[in-house]
């Protein structure tokens, strides 16, 4: 007799287990990054992590494109989390400012929210869908933590403005695509079924505008300390 896995439940044992794996891995990556002393070692370590991220994510993305798994509402790489892991791979491989910016702001707000209030509906661990969801989101946040706290790469106000513009552009495109395709990428057409912070922001479309405003404020607060630290590090010692 086949035993079916129970459905995933937020803040159940598997959720707490995934968060524990995330926390331990994040601490290990910060230590690893701080231990890379030369620029060549930093780039080599970063590119190894980029390959790991790519190897873990690309098969998952290809899997959901298979005819047996494809669904226009979930298979296309149009979620910000999909774009975030691509940006993270590029940021890890090249340390490009634009990719670092998207990796930092997207993953340490939107992807972190997905870890805390996961919009996951389906069987619990060790189901493939469970592993795909948590593997994708955890690795994305790990990439941002490794780059910013491990390698000490810093965002600035240019990074802030770029991320605001790219996010707004993505939202406009998806707001046109979703009604045409009958999809809900980015939860721009309606809120996710699981309880999230969006539930506190009113109905559609007001939660979109309020959410963007709150993200802008959060990203500004996430920028200011690094700008101050960078400015102080450039001051000559008295």
Protein backbone atom coordinates (compact mmCIF):
# COMPACT_ATOMS: atom_id res chain seq x y z
CA UNK A 1 0.00 0.00 0.00
CA UNK A 2 1.36 3.42 -0.97
CA UNK A 3 1.58 5.94 1.87
CA UNK A 4 0.88 9.47 0.67
CA UNK A 5 2.89 12.30 2.19
CA UNK A 6 0.91 14.74 4.31
CA UNK A 7 0.39 18.24 2.95
CA UNK A 8 2.86 20.92 3.94
CA UNK A 9 1.74 23.04 6.89
CA UNK A 10 3.35 26.44 7.63
CA UNK A 11 5.31 26.43 10.91
CA UNK A 12 5.16 22.68 11.10
CA UNK A 13 8.24 20.50 11.71
CA UNK A 14 9.40 20.60 8.07
CA UNK A 15 9.06 24.40 7.94
CA UNK A 16 11.16 24.86 11.08
CA UNK A 17 13.65 22.32 9.76
CA UNK A 18 14.03 24.27 6.51
CA UNK A 19 14.56 27.52 8.45
CA UNK A 20 17.21 25.81 10.61
CA UNK A 21 19.06 24.63 7.49
CA UNK A 22 18.85 28.16 6.12
CA UNK A 23 20.27 29.76 9.30
CA UNK A 24 23.15 27.30 9.63
CA UNK A 25 24.05 27.59 5.96
CA UNK A 26 23.95 31.39 6.07
CA UNK A 27 26.36 31.50 9.02
CA UNK A 28 28.71 29.05 7.31
CA UNK A 29 28.75 31.11 4.10
CA UNK A 30 29.60 34.32 5.96
CA UNK A 31 32.54 32.59 7.65
CA UNK A 32 33.62 31.10 4.33
CA UNK A 33 33.48 34.45 2.56
CA UNK A 34 35.43 36.25 5.28
CA UNK A 35 38.14 33.59 5.01
CA UNK A 36 38.80 34.30 1.32
CA UNK A 37 41.64 36.79 1.55
CA UNK A 38 42.74 37.39 -2.05
CA UNK A 39 40.65 38.70 -4.92
CA UNK A 40 41.28 35.56 -6.96
CA UNK A 41 40.16 33.36 -4.06
CA UNK A 42 37.05 35.48 -3.55
CA UNK A 43 36.10 35.24 -7.21
CA UNK A 44 36.85 31.51 -7.35
CA UNK A 45 34.75 30.81 -4.26
CA UNK A 46 31.94 32.98 -5.58
CA UNK A 47 31.93 31.20 -8.93
CA UNK A 48 31.82 27.79 -7.27
CA UNK A 49 28.70 28.91 -5.41
CA UNK A 50 27.27 30.24 -8.69
CA UNK A 51 27.72 26.81 -10.29
CA UNK A 52 26.10 25.11 -7.30
CA UNK A 53 23.16 27.50 -7.55
CA UNK A 54 22.83 26.90 -11.28
CA UNK A 55 23.08 23.11 -10.95
CA UNK A 56 20.39 23.11 -8.24
CA UNK A 57 17.99 25.47 -10.00
CA UNK A 58 18.24 24.75 -13.71
CA UNK A 59 16.97 21.13 -13.50
CA UNK A 60 14.04 22.35 -11.38
CA UNK A 61 13.18 24.99 -13.97
CA UNK A 62 13.46 22.48 -16.83
CA UNK A 63 11.35 19.96 -14.91
CA UNK A 64 8.34 22.26 -14.67
CA UNK A 65 8.60 22.90 -18.42
CA UNK A 66 8.06 19.21 -19.22
CA UNK A 67 4.73 18.56 -20.99
CA UNK A 68 3.53 16.45 -18.08
CA UNK A 69 4.23 19.22 -15.57
CA UNK A 70 3.70 22.38 -17.58
CA UNK A 71 1.12 24.90 -16.50
CA UNK A 72 1.09 28.44 -17.83
CA UNK A 73 0.32 29.75 -14.36
CA UNK A 74 3.40 28.31 -12.65
CA UNK A 75 5.97 26.97 -15.14
CA UNK A 76 7.17 30.14 -16.84
CA UNK A 77 10.13 31.88 -15.13
CA UNK A 78 8.18 35.08 -14.57
CA UNK A 79 8.08 35.22 -10.77
CA UNK A 80 10.52 37.62 -9.15
CA UNK A 81 11.96 34.60 -7.34
CA UNK A 82 12.78 33.08 -10.75
CA UNK A 83 14.45 36.28 -11.90
CA UNK A 84 16.17 36.59 -8.52
CA UNK A 85 18.03 33.29 -8.81
CA UNK A 86 19.18 34.18 -12.32
CA UNK A 87 20.43 37.54 -11.04
CA UNK A 88 22.13 35.73 -8.14
CA UNK A 89 24.02 33.41 -10.49
CA UNK A 90 25.21 36.38 -12.54
CA UNK A 91 26.14 38.35 -9.40
CA UNK A 92 28.14 35.45 -8.01
CA UNK A 93 29.93 34.84 -11.31
CA UNK A 94 30.70 38.45 -12.28
CA UNK A 95 30.14 40.64 -9.17
CA UNK A 96 28.36 43.04 -11.55
CA UNK A 97 26.76 45.98 -9.72
CA UNK A 98 23.34 45.60 -11.31
CA UNK A 99 23.13 41.87 -10.57
CA UNK A 100 24.37 42.42 -7.01
CA UNK A 101 21.69 45.08 -6.52
CA UNK A 102 18.82 42.84 -7.65
CA UNK A 103 20.18 39.91 -5.65
CA UNK A 104 20.45 41.96 -2.49
CA UNK A 105 17.14 43.81 -2.50
CA UNK A 106 14.89 41.14 -3.99
CA UNK A 107 16.21 38.23 -1.99
CA UNK A 108 16.51 39.88 1.41
CA UNK A 109 12.92 41.13 1.31
CA UNK A 110 10.66 39.26 -1.11
CA UNK A 111 12.42 35.90 -0.92
CA UNK A 112 12.82 36.10 2.85
CA UNK A 113 9.08 36.68 3.11
CA UNK A 114 8.59 33.47 1.11
CA UNK A 115 10.68 31.65 3.73
CA UNK A 116 8.65 33.05 6.62
CA UNK A 117 5.18 32.81 5.04
CA UNK A 118 5.60 30.21 2.26
CA UNK A 119 2.86 30.11 -0.39
CA UNK A 120 3.39 26.36 -0.76
CA UNK A 121 0.48 24.06 -1.43
CA UNK A 122 1.24 20.37 -1.82
CA UNK A 123 2.85 17.35 -0.16
CA UNK A 124 5.34 17.83 2.66
CA UNK A 125 8.98 16.73 2.81
CA UNK A 126 10.48 14.84 0.95
CA UNK A 127 8.20 15.59 -2.00
CA UNK A 128 10.00 17.02 -5.04
CA UNK A 129 7.83 20.12 -5.02
CA UNK A 130 8.76 20.77 -1.39
CA UNK A 131 12.47 20.38 -2.12
CA UNK A 132 12.22 22.58 -5.21
CA UNK A 133 10.45 25.38 -3.34
CA UNK A 134 12.81 25.46 -0.37
CA UNK A 135 15.97 24.79 -2.37
CA UNK A 136 15.25 27.66 -4.72
CA UNK A 137 14.37 30.23 -2.06
CA UNK A 138 17.06 29.28 0.45
CA UNK A 139 19.88 29.32 -2.12
CA UNK A 140 18.78 32.75 -3.36
CA UNK A 141 19.01 34.30 0.10
CA UNK A 142 22.28 32.49 0.76
CA UNK A 143 23.74 34.09 -2.37
CA UNK A 144 22.86 37.59 -1.14
CA UNK A 145 24.24 36.92 2.33
CA UNK A 146 27.49 35.49 0.94
CA UNK A 147 28.05 38.48 -1.36
CA UNK A 148 27.18 41.22 1.12
CA UNK A 149 28.37 39.88 4.49
CA UNK A 150 30.83 37.25 3.31
CA UNK A 151 32.63 39.12 0.51
CA UNK A 152 31.67 42.59 1.81
CA UNK A 153 30.36 43.86 -1.54
CA UNK A 154 28.27 46.96 -0.91
CA UNK A 155 25.06 48.31 -2.47
CA UNK A 156 24.62 52.07 -2.88
CA UNK A 157 21.95 54.56 -3.92
CA UNK A 158 22.48 53.71 -7.59
CA UNK A 159 21.71 50.08 -6.70
CA UNK A 160 18.57 51.23 -4.89
CA UNK A 161 17.28 53.28 -7.83
CA UNK A 162 18.05 50.53 -10.33
CA UNK A 163 16.12 47.92 -8.34
CA UNK A 164 13.12 50.22 -7.98
CA UNK A 165 13.06 50.82 -11.75
CA UNK A 166 13.51 47.16 -12.71
CA UNK A 167 10.85 46.03 -10.23
CA UNK A 168 8.36 48.62 -11.49
CA UNK A 169 9.06 47.62 -15.10
CA UNK A 170 8.53 43.93 -14.28
CA UNK A 171 5.25 44.75 -12.50
CA UNK A 172 3.94 46.68 -15.51
CA UNK A 173 4.76 43.83 -17.91
CA UNK A 174 3.21 41.19 -15.63
CA UNK A 175 0.11 43.34 -15.07
CA UNK A 176 -0.47 43.16 -18.82
CA UNK A 177 0.46 39.48 -19.19
CA UNK A 178 -1.55 38.11 -16.24
CA UNK A 179 -5.03 39.14 -17.47
CA UNK A 180 -4.25 37.98 -21.00
CA UNK A 181 -2.96 34.57 -19.88
CA UNK A 182 -5.22 34.08 -16.87
CA UNK A 183 -2.24 33.85 -14.53
CA UNK A 184 -1.20 35.50 -11.27
CA UNK A 185 2.56 35.93 -11.48
CA UNK A 186 3.87 38.08 -8.67
CA UNK A 187 0.42 37.92 -7.03
CA UNK A 188 -0.35 41.05 -9.01
CA UNK A 189 -3.90 39.92 -9.85
CA UNK A 190 -4.87 38.62 -6.42
CA UNK A 191 -3.26 37.81 -3.08
CA UNK A 192 -1.78 34.38 -2.37
CA UNK A 193 -4.06 31.93 -0.53
CA UNK A 194 -1.64 31.59 2.38
CA UNK A 195 -1.54 34.36 4.95
CA UNK A 196 1.07 36.99 4.06
CA UNK A 197 1.80 40.62 4.84
CA UNK A 198 -0.32 41.55 1.82
CA UNK A 199 -3.40 40.68 3.86
CA UNK A 200 -2.76 43.81 5.93
CA UNK A 201 -2.63 46.11 2.88
CA UNK A 202 -6.23 46.17 1.70
CA UNK A 203 -7.78 44.81 -1.46
CA UNK A 204 -6.70 44.90 -5.08
CA UNK A 205 -5.15 47.09 -6.46
CA UNK A 206 -4.33 49.05 -3.29
CA UNK A 207 -2.12 46.35 -1.82
CA UNK A 208 0.09 46.64 -4.93
CA UNK A 209 0.74 50.36 -4.46
CA UNK A 210 1.13 50.11 -0.70
CA UNK A 211 3.41 47.09 -1.07
CA UNK A 212 5.63 48.94 -3.53
CA UNK A 213 5.79 51.97 -1.25
CA UNK A 214 6.74 49.82 1.74
CA UNK A 215 9.36 47.98 -0.33
CA UNK A 216 10.82 51.33 -1.40
CA UNK A 217 11.11 52.40 2.22
CA UNK A 218 12.59 49.09 3.29
CA UNK A 219 15.12 49.13 0.47
CA UNK A 220 16.10 52.69 1.35
CA UNK A 221 16.74 51.61 4.94
CA UNK A 222 18.74 48.65 3.63
CA UNK A 223 20.89 51.03 1.58
CA UNK A 224 21.66 53.79 4.05
CA UNK A 225 23.91 51.83 6.50
CA UNK A 226 26.14 50.55 3.67
CA UNK A 227 26.47 54.04 2.20
CA UNK A 228 27.54 55.35 5.62
CA UNK A 229 30.00 52.49 6.12
CA UNK A 230 31.50 53.03 2.65
CA UNK A 231 31.87 56.77 3.24
CA UNK A 232 33.60 56.25 6.58
CA UNK A 233 35.99 53.66 5.13
CA UNK A 234 37.14 56.20 2.55
CA UNK A 235 37.92 58.87 5.12
CA UNK A 236 41.65 59.24 5.86
CA UNK A 237 42.72 58.06 9.28
CA UNK A 238 43.29 60.92 11.73
